[in-house]
C-alpha atoms as a PDB file:
ATOM      1  CA  MET A   1      99.072 104.137 101.319  1.00  0.00           C
ATOM      2  CA  THR A   2      96.336 106.789 101.430  1.00  0.00           C
ATOM      3  CA  ALA A   3      96.887 109.765  99.128  1.00  0.00           C
ATOM      4  CA  GLN A   4      97.454 113.213 100.584  1.00  0.00           C
ATOM      5  CA  LEU A   5      94.844 115.963 100.521  1.00  0.00           C
ATOM      6  CA  ALA A   6      95.601 119.084  98.486  1.00  0.00           C
ATOM      7  CA  LEU A   7      93.615 122.270  97.964  1.00  0.00           C
ATOM      8  CA  GLY A   8      92.055 122.705  94.544  1.00  0.00           C
ATOM      9  CA  THR A   9      91.002 126.289  93.845  1.00  0.00           C
ATOM     10  CA  TYR A  10      88.577 125.609  90.993  1.00  0.00           C
ATOM     11  CA  ARG A  11      85.135 126.633  92.285  1.00  0.00           C
ATOM     12  CA  CYS A  12      86.729 127.438  95.637  1.00  0.00           C
ATOM     13  CA  ARG A  13      85.266 130.437  97.419  1.00  0.00           C
ATOM     14  CA  ALA A  14      87.382 132.631  99.705  1.00  0.00           C
ATOM     15  CA  ILE A  15      90.607 131.307  98.201  1.00  0.00           C
ATOM     16  CA  PRO A  16      93.059 133.080 100.564  1.00  0.00           C
ATOM     17  CA  GLU A  17      91.257 131.781 103.658  1.00  0.00           C
ATOM     18  CA  ALA A  18      91.002 128.259 102.223  1.00  0.00           C
ATOM     19  CA  ALA A  19      94.696 128.269 101.293  1.00  0.00           C
ATOM     20  CA  ALA A  20      95.771 129.481 104.742  1.00  0.00           C
ATOM     21  CA  ARG A  21      93.606 126.783 106.336  1.00  0.00           C
ATOM     22  CA  ALA A  22      95.112 124.116 104.094  1.00  0.00           C
ATOM     23  CA  ALA A  23      98.637 125.252 104.934  1.00  0.00           C
ATOM     24  CA  ALA A  24      97.875 125.251 108.661  1.00  0.00           C
ATOM     25  CA  SER A  25      96.572 121.672 108.410  1.00  0.00           C
ATOM     26  CA  GLY A  26      99.808 120.484 106.856  1.00  0.00           C
ATOM     27  CA  ALA A  27      98.733 120.276 103.223  1.00  0.00           C
ATOM     28  CA  GLN A  28     101.723 120.444 100.889  1.00  0.00           C
ATOM     29  CA  TRP A  29     100.088 121.371  97.569  1.00  0.00           C
ATOM     30  CA  ILE A  30      97.713 123.984  96.202  1.00  0.00           C
ATOM     31  CA  ASP A  31      96.409 123.674  92.661  1.00  0.00           C
ATOM     32  CA  THR A  32      95.291 126.695  90.665  1.00  0.00           C
ATOM     33  CA  ALA A  33      95.121 128.136  87.145  1.00  0.00           C
ATOM     34  CA  PRO A  34      95.193 131.589  85.533  1.00  0.00           C
ATOM     35  CA  ASN A  35      91.517 131.368  84.549  1.00  0.00           C
ATOM     36  CA  TYR A  36      90.187 130.361  87.995  1.00  0.00           C
ATOM     37  CA  ALA A  37      88.096 132.864  90.002  1.00  0.00           C
ATOM     38  CA  THR A  38      87.583 134.895  86.809  1.00  0.00           C
ATOM     39  CA  GLY A  39      91.332 135.363  86.553  1.00  0.00           C
ATOM     40  CA  GLN A  40      91.969 136.403  90.176  1.00  0.00           C
ATOM     41  CA  ALA A  41      92.948 133.090  91.807  1.00  0.00           C
ATOM     42  CA  GLN A  42      96.701 133.469  91.409  1.00  0.00           C
ATOM     43  CA  THR A  43      96.742 137.051  92.647  1.00  0.00           C
ATOM     44  CA  ASP A  44      94.612 136.019  95.624  1.00  0.00           C
ATOM     45  CA  LEU A  45      97.030 133.208  96.465  1.00  0.00           C
ATOM     46  CA  ALA A  46     100.207 135.283  96.351  1.00  0.00           C
ATOM     47  CA  PRO A  47     100.049 136.650  99.934  1.00  0.00           C
ATOM     48  CA  VAL A  48      99.397 133.172 101.360  1.00  0.00           C
ATOM     49  CA  LEU A  49     102.301 131.715  99.404  1.00  0.00           C
ATOM     50  CA  ALA A  50     104.546 134.495 100.687  1.00  0.00           C
ATOM     51  CA  THR A  51     103.531 133.671 104.262  1.00  0.00           C
ATOM     52  CA  HIS A  52     103.908 129.917 103.713  1.00  0.00           C
ATOM     53  CA  PRO A  53     106.968 129.492 101.472  1.00  0.00           C
ATOM     54  CA  ALA A  54     106.984 125.696 101.969  1.00  0.00           C
ATOM     55  CA  LEU A  55     103.622 125.383 100.188  1.00  0.00           C
ATOM     56  CA  ARG A  56     104.030 123.885  96.744  1.00  0.00           C
ATOM     57  CA  ILE A  57     102.040 125.362  93.891  1.00  0.00           C
ATOM     58  CA  ALA A  58     100.700 123.697  90.752  1.00  0.00           C
ATOM     59  CA  THR A  59      99.394 126.040  88.093  1.00  0.00           C
ATOM     60  CA  LYS A  60      98.557 125.787  84.416  1.00  0.00           C
ATOM     61  CA  ALA A  61      98.791 127.126  80.898  1.00  0.00           C
ATOM     62  CA  GLY A  62      96.035 126.615  78.358  1.00  0.00           C
ATOM     63  CA  PHE A  63      92.734 128.272  79.254  1.00  0.00           C
ATOM     64  CA  PHE A  64      92.618 132.030  79.693  1.00  0.00           C
ATOM     65  CA  THR A  65      90.019 134.686  80.409  1.00  0.00           C
ATOM     66  CA  ALA A  66      89.081 137.321  77.832  1.00  0.00           C
ATOM     67  CA  ALA A  67      91.095 139.920  79.740  1.00  0.00           C
ATOM     68  CA  THR A  68      94.173 137.687  79.855  1.00  0.00           C
ATOM     69  CA  GLY A  69      93.753 136.927  76.164  1.00  0.00           C
ATOM     70  CA  ALA A  70      93.727 140.637  75.399  1.00  0.00           C
ATOM     71  CA  ASP A  71      96.905 141.097  77.445  1.00  0.00           C
ATOM     72  CA  ALA A  72      98.531 138.221  75.550  1.00  0.00           C
ATOM     73  CA  VAL A  73      97.600 139.846  72.225  1.00  0.00           C
ATOM     74  CA  ASN A  74      99.068 143.158  73.363  1.00  0.00           C
ATOM     75  CA  ALA A  75     102.252 141.336  74.389  1.00  0.00           C
ATOM     76  CA  GLY A  76     102.501 139.612  71.014  1.00  0.00           C
ATOM     77  CA  ALA A  77     102.010 136.160  72.555  1.00  0.00           C
ATOM     78  CA  LEU A  78      98.726 135.489  70.731  1.00  0.00           C
ATOM     79  CA  THR A  79      97.110 136.775  67.575  1.00  0.00           C
ATOM     80  CA  LYS A  80      93.664 138.299  67.855  1.00  0.00           C
ATOM     81  CA  ASP A  81      92.150 135.236  66.168  1.00  0.00           C
ATOM     82  CA  GLN A  82      93.950 132.886  68.578  1.00  0.00           C
ATOM     83  CA  SER A  83      92.663 134.861  71.558  1.00  0.00           C
ATOM     84  CA  LEU A  84      89.046 134.233  70.567  1.00  0.00           C
ATOM     85  CA  ALA A  85      89.390 130.514  71.321  1.00  0.00           C
ATOM     86  CA  GLY A  86      90.026 131.052  75.045  1.00  0.00           C
ATOM     87  CA  HIS A  87      92.579 128.225  74.963  1.00  0.00           C
ATOM     88  CA  SER A  88      96.020 127.840  73.430  1.00  0.00           C
ATOM     89  CA  LEU A  89      99.093 125.627  73.497  1.00  0.00           C
ATOM     90  CA  ALA A  90     101.035 127.935  71.156  1.00  0.00           C
ATOM     91  CA  PRO A  91     104.671 128.111  72.302  1.00  0.00           C
ATOM     92  CA  ASP A  92     104.751 131.915  72.520  1.00  0.00           C
ATOM     93  CA  TYR A  93     101.598 131.903  74.618  1.00  0.00           C
ATOM     94  CA  VAL A  94     102.797 129.110  76.951  1.00  0.00           C
ATOM     95  CA  ARG A  95     106.104 130.963  77.445  1.00  0.00           C
ATOM     96  CA  TRP A  96     104.256 134.210  78.189  1.00  0.00           C
ATOM     97  CA  GLN A  97     101.766 132.538  80.532  1.00  0.00           C
ATOM     98  CA  ILE A  98     104.524 130.912  82.579  1.00  0.00           C
ATOM     99  CA  ALA A  99     106.089 134.334  83.132  1.00  0.00           C
ATOM    100  CA  ARG A 100     102.711 135.801  84.050  1.00  0.00           C
ATOM    101  CA  ASN A 101     101.999 132.938  86.469  1.00  0.00           C
ATOM    102  CA  ARG A 102     105.318 133.542  88.218  1.00  0.00           C
ATOM    103  CA  SER A 103     104.568 137.232  88.537  1.00  0.00           C
ATOM    104  CA  GLN A 104     101.007 136.798  89.805  1.00  0.00           C
ATOM    105  CA  LEU A 105     101.951 134.093  92.298  1.00  0.00           C
ATOM    106  CA  GLY A 106     105.072 135.886  93.487  1.00  0.00           C
ATOM    107  CA  ARG A 107     107.234 132.825  92.888  1.00  0.00           C
ATOM    108  CA  GLU A 108     110.518 132.853  91.003  1.00  0.00           C
ATOM    109  CA  ARG A 109     110.147 129.111  90.424  1.00  0.00           C
ATOM    110  CA  LEU A 110     106.847 127.301  89.994  1.00  0.00           C
ATOM    111  CA  ASP A 111     106.693 123.815  91.466  1.00  0.00           C
ATOM    112  CA  LEU A 112     104.524 122.451  88.683  1.00  0.00           C
ATOM    113  CA  VAL A 113     103.142 123.799  85.400  1.00  0.00           C
ATOM    114  CA  LEU A 114     100.389 121.732  83.787  1.00  0.00           C
ATOM    115  CA  LEU A 115      99.059 122.033  80.254  1.00  0.00           C
ATOM    116  CA  HIS A 116      95.379 122.651  80.908  1.00  0.00           C
ATOM    117  CA  ASN A 117      93.047 120.258  79.053  1.00  0.00           C
ATOM    118  CA  PRO A 118      95.409 119.954  76.076  1.00  0.00           C
ATOM    119  CA  GLU A 119      92.841 117.774  74.295  1.00  0.00           C
ATOM    120  CA  ARG A 120      90.972 121.010  73.555  1.00  0.00           C
ATOM    121  CA  ALA A 121      93.702 122.151  71.157  1.00  0.00           C
ATOM    122  CA  HIS A 122      93.015 119.798  68.230  1.00  0.00           C
ATOM    123  CA  PRO A 123      89.931 117.670  68.977  1.00  0.00           C
ATOM    124  CA  GLY A 124      89.799 114.551  66.839  1.00  0.00           C
ATOM    125  CA  ASP A 125      93.246 115.109  65.298  1.00  0.00           C
ATOM    126  CA  ARG A 126      95.757 113.098  67.349  1.00  0.00           C
ATOM    127  CA  PRO A 127      98.832 113.837  65.175  1.00  0.00           C
ATOM    128  CA  ALA A 128      98.203 117.607  65.299  1.00  0.00           C
ATOM    129  CA  LEU A 129      97.511 117.458  69.032  1.00  0.00           C
ATOM    130  CA  HIS A 130     100.714 115.529  69.701  1.00  0.00           C
ATOM    131  CA  ARG A 131     102.754 118.000  67.639  1.00  0.00           C
ATOM    132  CA  ALA A 132     101.264 120.891  69.611  1.00  0.00           C
ATOM    133  CA  MET A 133     101.940 119.173  72.931  1.00  0.00           C
ATOM    134  CA  ARG A 134     105.534 118.366  71.962  1.00  0.00           C
ATOM    135  CA  GLN A 135     106.109 122.030  71.058  1.00  0.00           C
ATOM    136  CA  ALA A 136     104.594 123.120  74.384  1.00  0.00           C
ATOM    137  CA  PHE A 137     106.783 120.587  76.222  1.00  0.00           C
ATOM    138  CA  VAL A 138     109.842 122.189  74.581  1.00  0.00           C
ATOM    139  CA  VAL A 139     108.849 125.495  76.157  1.00  0.00           C
ATOM    140  CA  LEU A 140     108.261 123.799  79.515  1.00  0.00           C
ATOM    141  CA  GLU A 141     111.694 122.146  79.339  1.00  0.00           C
ATOM    142  CA  GLU A 142     113.157 125.602  78.666  1.00  0.00           C
ATOM    143  CA  ALA A 143     111.371 126.910  81.778  1.00  0.00           C
ATOM    144  CA  VAL A 144     112.862 124.108  83.884  1.00  0.00           C
ATOM    145  CA  ALA A 145     116.354 124.777  82.474  1.00  0.00           C
ATOM    146  CA  ALA A 146     115.972 128.471  83.310  1.00  0.00           C
ATOM    147  CA  GLY A 147     114.948 127.700  86.901  1.00  0.00           C
ATOM    148  CA  HIS A 148     111.406 129.001  86.341  1.00  0.00           C
ATOM    149  CA  ALA A 149     109.703 125.631  86.931  1.00  0.00           C
ATOM    150  CA  ALA A 150     110.635 122.482  88.806  1.00  0.00           C
ATOM    151  CA  GLY A 151     108.642 120.236  86.495  1.00  0.00           C
ATOM    152  CA  TYR A 152     105.569 119.996  84.320  1.00  0.00           C
ATOM    153  CA  GLY A 153     102.709 117.760  83.283  1.00  0.00           C
ATOM    154  CA  ILE A 154      99.143 117.822  82.059  1.00  0.00           C
ATOM    155  CA  ALA A 155      95.762 118.477  83.642  1.00  0.00           C
ATOM    156  CA  THR A 156      93.112 116.705  81.612  1.00  0.00           C
ATOM    157  CA  TRP A 157      89.403 116.039  81.860  1.00  0.00           C
ATOM    158  CA  THR A 158      88.755 113.620  78.979  1.00  0.00           C
ATOM    159  CA  GLY A 159      92.113 113.299  77.206  1.00  0.00           C
ATOM    160  CA  LEU A 160      93.179 110.042  78.835  1.00  0.00           C
ATOM    161  CA  GLU A 161      89.717 108.494  78.935  1.00  0.00           C
ATOM    162  CA  GLU A 162      89.119 109.229  75.250  1.00  0.00           C
ATOM    163  CA  GLU A 163      92.716 108.263  74.408  1.00  0.00           C
ATOM    164  CA  ALA A 164      93.621 111.549  72.787  1.00  0.00           C
ATOM    165  CA  PHE A 165      96.928 110.548  74.357  1.00  0.00           C
ATOM    166  CA  THR A 166      98.203 107.836  76.665  1.00  0.00           C
ATOM    167  CA  VAL A 167     100.679 108.074  79.518  1.00  0.00           C
ATOM    168  CA  ALA A 168     103.250 106.273  77.371  1.00  0.00           C
ATOM    169  CA  GLU A 169     102.736 108.788  74.558  1.00  0.00           C
ATOM    170  CA  LEU A 170     103.093 111.713  76.971  1.00  0.00           C
ATOM    171  CA  LEU A 171     106.411 110.313  78.199  1.00  0.00           C
ATOM    172  CA  THR A 172     107.613 109.842  74.612  1.00  0.00           C
ATOM    173  CA  LEU A 173     106.619 113.385  73.641  1.00  0.00           C
ATOM    174  CA  ALA A 174     108.410 114.760  76.701  1.00  0.00           C
ATOM    175  CA  ALA A 175     111.564 112.775  75.930  1.00  0.00           C
ATOM    176  CA  GLU A 176     111.491 114.052  72.338  1.00  0.00           C
ATOM    177  CA  ALA A 177     111.009 117.631  73.545  1.00  0.00           C
ATOM    178  CA  ALA A 178     113.896 117.334  76.003  1.00  0.00           C
ATOM    179  CA  GLY A 179     116.177 115.445  73.677  1.00  0.00           C
ATOM    180  CA  GLY A 180     116.585 112.809  76.367  1.00  0.00           C
ATOM    181  CA  ARG A 181     115.933 113.106  80.085  1.00  0.00           C
ATOM    182  CA  HIS A 182     112.699 115.028  80.580  1.00  0.00           C
ATOM    183  CA  HIS A 183     110.913 116.788  83.436  1.00  0.00           C
ATOM    184  CA  LEU A 184     107.343 115.593  82.921  1.00  0.00           C
ATOM    185  CA  ILE A 185     106.544 114.647  86.503  1.00  0.00           C
ATOM    186  CA  ALA A 186     102.782 114.823  87.029  1.00  0.00           C
ATOM    187  CA  LEU A 187      99.320 114.433  85.661  1.00  0.00           C
ATOM    188  CA  GLN A 188      95.947 115.590  86.916  1.00  0.00           C
ATOM    189  CA  MET A 189      92.752 113.776  85.998  1.00  0.00           C
ATOM    190  CA  PRO A 190      89.232 113.230  87.368  1.00  0.00           C
ATOM    191  CA  VAL A 191      88.834 110.256  89.707  1.00  0.00           C
ATOM    192  CA  SER A 192      85.631 109.737  91.669  1.00  0.00           C
ATOM    193  CA  LEU A 193      82.835 107.282  92.372  1.00  0.00           C
ATOM    194  CA  VAL A 194      81.057 108.830  89.390  1.00  0.00           C
ATOM    195  CA  MET A 195      84.052 108.906  87.039  1.00  0.00           C
ATOM    196  CA  MET A 196      85.319 105.596  88.374  1.00  0.00           C
ATOM    197  CA  THR A 197      86.733 104.015  85.212  1.00  0.00           C
ATOM    198  CA  PRO A 198      90.303 104.900  86.300  1.00  0.00           C
ATOM    199  CA  ILE A 199      89.672 103.100  89.615  1.00  0.00           C
ATOM    200  CA  VAL A 200      88.249  99.995  87.935  1.00  0.00           C
ATOM    201  CA  LEU A 201      91.135  99.853  85.466  1.00  0.00           C
ATOM    202  CA  ALA A 202      93.738 100.449  88.178  1.00  0.00           C
ATOM    203  CA  LEU A 203      92.362  97.538  90.213  1.00  0.00           C
ATOM    204  CA  ALA A 204      92.967  95.357  87.159  1.00  0.00           C
ATOM    205  CA  GLY A 205      96.474  96.747  86.745  1.00  0.00           C
ATOM    206  CA  ARG A 206      95.526  98.664  83.595  1.00  0.00           C
ATOM    207  CA  GLY A 207      94.875 102.233  82.521  1.00  0.00           C
ATOM    208  CA  PRO A 208      96.583 105.550  83.186  1.00  0.00           C
ATOM    209  CA  LEU A 209      97.032 105.234  86.946  1.00  0.00           C
ATOM    210  CA  PRO A 210      99.302 102.159  86.967  1.00  0.00           C
ATOM    211  CA  ALA A 211     101.155 103.574  83.951  1.00  0.00           C
ATOM    212  CA  ALA A 212     101.726 106.860  85.779  1.00  0.00           C
ATOM    213  CA  ALA A 213     102.777 105.075  88.966  1.00  0.00           C
ATOM    214  CA  GLY A 214     105.195 102.920  87.001  1.00  0.00           C
ATOM    215  CA  ALA A 215     106.803 106.064  85.584  1.00  0.00           C
ATOM    216  CA  GLY A 216     107.016 107.688  89.015  1.00  0.00           C
ATOM    217  CA  LEU A 217     104.542 110.442  88.161  1.00  0.00           C
ATOM    218  CA  ARG A 218     102.610 112.412  90.754  1.00  0.00           C
ATOM    219  CA  VAL A 219      98.880 111.917  90.133  1.00  0.00           C
ATOM    220  CA  MET A 220      96.467 114.578  91.341  1.00  0.00           C
ATOM    221  CA  ALA A 221      92.879 113.318  91.386  1.00  0.00           C
ATOM    222  CA  SER A 222      90.507 116.151  90.521  1.00  0.00           C
ATOM    223  CA  ALA A 223      86.757 116.398  91.187  1.00  0.00           C
ATOM    224  CA  PRO A 224      86.676 113.639  93.858  1.00  0.00           C
ATOM    225  CA  LEU A 225      83.179 114.803  94.848  1.00  0.00           C
ATOM    226  CA  HIS A 226      82.151 115.410  91.205  1.00  0.00           C
ATOM    227  CA  GLY A 227      81.654 119.129  91.629  1.00  0.00           C
ATOM    228  CA  GLY A 228      79.953 118.701  95.009  1.00  0.00           C
ATOM    229  CA  GLU A 229      77.195 116.495  93.570  1.00  0.00           C
ATOM    230  CA  LEU A 230      78.468 113.134  94.789  1.00  0.00           C
ATOM    231  CA  PRO A 231      77.649 113.364  98.537  1.00  0.00           C
ATOM    232  CA  GLY A 232      73.995 113.857  97.600  1.00  0.00           C
ATOM    233  CA  MET A 233      74.122 110.710  95.459  1.00  0.00           C
ATOM    234  CA  VAL A 234      75.709 108.486  98.125  1.00  0.00           C
ATOM    235  CA  ASP A 235      73.458 107.456 101.005  1.00  0.00           C
ATOM    236  CA  GLN A 236      74.640 106.555 104.492  1.00  0.00           C
ATOM    237  CA  GLU A 237      74.270 102.833 103.758  1.00  0.00           C
ATOM    238  CA  LEU A 238      76.837 103.061 100.957  1.00  0.00           C
ATOM    239  CA  ALA A 239      79.052 105.310 103.104  1.00  0.00           C
ATOM    240  CA  ASP A 240      79.004 102.662 105.833  1.00  0.00           C
ATOM    241  CA  LEU A 241      79.916 100.009 103.271  1.00  0.00           C
ATOM    242  CA  ILE A 242      82.955 102.087 102.340  1.00  0.00           C
ATOM    243  CA  ARG A 243      83.980 102.720 105.954  1.00  0.00           C
ATOM    244  CA  PRO A 244      81.568 102.693 108.923  1.00  0.00           C
ATOM    245  CA  GLY A 245      81.369 105.989 110.771  1.00  0.00           C
ATOM    246  CA  LEU A 246      82.208 108.263 107.852  1.00  0.00           C
ATOM    247  CA  THR A 247      79.837 110.752 106.254  1.00  0.00           C
ATOM    248  CA  PRO A 248      79.020 110.228 102.559  1.00  0.00           C
ATOM    249  CA  ALA A 249      81.459 112.999 101.581  1.00  0.00           C
ATOM    250  CA  GLN A 250      84.227 111.534 103.710  1.00  0.00           C
ATOM    251  CA  ALA A 251      83.609 108.069 102.301  1.00  0.00           C
ATOM    252  CA  CYS A 252      83.845 109.365  98.731  1.00  0.00           C
ATOM    253  CA  VAL A 253      87.120 111.163  99.477  1.00  0.00           C
ATOM    254  CA  LEU A 254      88.602 108.077 101.160  1.00  0.00           C
ATOM    255  CA  ALA A 255      87.682 105.893  98.178  1.00  0.00           C
ATOM    256  CA  VAL A 256      89.585 108.179  95.794  1.00  0.00           C
ATOM    257  CA  ALA A 257      92.506 108.554  98.209  1.00  0.00           C
ATOM    258  CA  SER A 258      92.761 104.748  98.391  1.00  0.00           C
ATOM    259  CA  CYS A 259      92.914 104.252  94.622  1.00  0.00           C
ATOM    260  CA  PRO A 260      96.246 102.740  93.510  1.00  0.00           C
ATOM    261  CA  GLY A 261      98.420 105.332  91.764  1.00  0.00           C
ATOM    262  CA  VAL A 262      96.722 108.436  93.198  1.00  0.00           C
ATOM    263  CA  THR A 263      99.151 110.566  95.221  1.00  0.00           C
ATOM    264  CA  ASN A 264      97.018 113.668  95.894  1.00  0.00           C
ATOM    265  CA  VAL A 265      93.284 114.336  96.124  1.00  0.00           C
ATOM    266  CA  LEU A 266      92.297 117.869  95.108  1.00  0.00           C
ATOM    267  CA  LEU A 267      89.432 119.244  97.157  1.00  0.00           C
ATOM    268  CA  ALA A 268      87.907 122.709  96.754  1.00  0.00           C
ATOM    269  CA  ALA A 269      86.801 122.964 100.382  1.00  0.00           C
ATOM    270  CA  SER A 270      85.977 126.586 101.125  1.00  0.00           C
ATOM    271  CA  GLY A 271      84.647 126.033 104.659  1.00  0.00           C
ATOM    272  CA  ALA A 272      86.609 124.922 107.705  1.00  0.00           C
ATOM    273  CA  PRO A 273      84.255 122.004 108.579  1.00  0.00           C
ATOM    274  CA  HIS A 274      84.495 120.508 105.085  1.00  0.00           C
ATOM    275  CA  TRP A 275      88.286 120.729 105.040  1.00  0.00           C
ATOM    276  CA  SER A 276      88.544 119.271 108.533  1.00  0.00           C
ATOM    277  CA  GLN A 277      86.258 116.359 107.657  1.00  0.00           C
ATOM    278  CA  ALA A 278      88.231 115.622 104.497  1.00  0.00           C
ATOM    279  CA  THR A 279      91.496 115.738 106.452  1.00  0.00           C
ATOM    280  CA  ASP A 280      90.054 113.203 108.902  1.00  0.00           C
ATOM    281  CA  ALA A 281      88.982 110.996 105.983  1.00  0.00           C
ATOM    282  CA  VAL A 282      92.430 110.774 104.359  1.00  0.00           C
ATOM    283  CA  ALA A 283      93.965 110.094 107.789  1.00  0.00           C
ATOM    284  CA  GLN A 284      92.059 106.788 107.774  1.00  0.00           C
ATOM    285  CA  PRO A 285      93.804 103.578 106.670  1.00  0.00           C
ATOM    286  CA  SER A 286      93.425 102.992 102.944  1.00  0.00           C
ATOM    287  CA  LEU A 287      90.630 100.834 101.648  1.00  0.00           C
ATOM    288  CA  THR A 288      91.819  97.461 100.393  1.00  0.00           C
ATOM    289  CA  ALA A 289      91.680  96.529  96.744  1.00  0.00           C
ATOM    290  CA  ALA A 290      88.975  94.005  97.624  1.00  0.00           C
ATOM    291  CA  LYS A 291      86.881  96.713  99.259  1.00  0.00           C
ATOM    292  CA  LEU A 292      87.309  99.048  96.271  1.00  0.00           C
ATOM    293  CA  ARG A 293      86.212  96.236  93.951  1.00  0.00           C
ATOM    294  CA  GLU A 294      83.151  95.666  96.115  1.00  0.00           C
ATOM    295  CA  ILE A 295      82.254  99.376  96.047  1.00  0.00           C
ATOM    296  CA  THR A 296      82.701  99.791  92.300  1.00  0.00           C
ATOM    297  CA  GLY A 297      80.759  96.576  91.746  1.00  0.00           C
ATOM    298  CA  VAL A 298      77.835  97.888  93.776  1.00  0.00           C
ATOM    299  CA  LEU A 299      77.876 101.214  91.923  1.00  0.00           C
ATOM    300  CA  ALA A 300      78.095  99.505  88.533  1.00  0.00           C
ATOM    301  CA  SER A 301      75.073  97.306  89.272  1.00  0.00           C
ATOM    302  CA  PRO A 302      71.845  98.327  87.457  1.00  0.00           C
END
């Protein structure tokens, strides 16, 4: 089954217009973070979310702008030294950021709160990182119990690829934090025809995507066009190999949407034509596993 398209607001221009367009097209999810759009993304989204209450919102805790860091220091959620890092998983900060997210987005309950690139917290020190993540998961479980979040997860760039943690370890940490049944329900990670290791592994029944699918986790594939660079790297011949009649950008989106285990593809489409073309792409039948193997084989060839 082809994954659903969702709006990603990282590097998205004209966020309110893009969000309204996504909602009108039937998209169910919008992904954002407190540091996106120099700290304005959540405030920009609030009016759209008020107009479209059925839209589900995924936001984050981890990275913060200098201004947000200063506010956290003033609130006693971070020390001045901690604020200089621009990233924190400290329990007091995560608790404070969840409250701030709710206020900025105008939502009493957040659909999803993701720890933002948690691997940044203790690079190279897995035990310390896992302790920090478990402590942050305790706070996230508290938020769920209080009705402030429906669930939580992680948004990572390199954490799974570099094995700073595995899906199994994340589930164990969440169960330890909850003291039993947990509410870790999602992960976000890069999947594309550039960063295609997750696709190759999934086709072999290995890696984070099958593990996440087996645990019933929502998987949001980020950077499907590799920051907008990928369509310029894929010629029409390769696009036609993927699915005749699609543009290179559409072909790249369809490939990610067809990857086993992916449930949502995050696209920062600011313009109406780009969003419309991507919507048409994910409406296509999924590529078969054989076709995905052929594509990744071609791309892996010297």
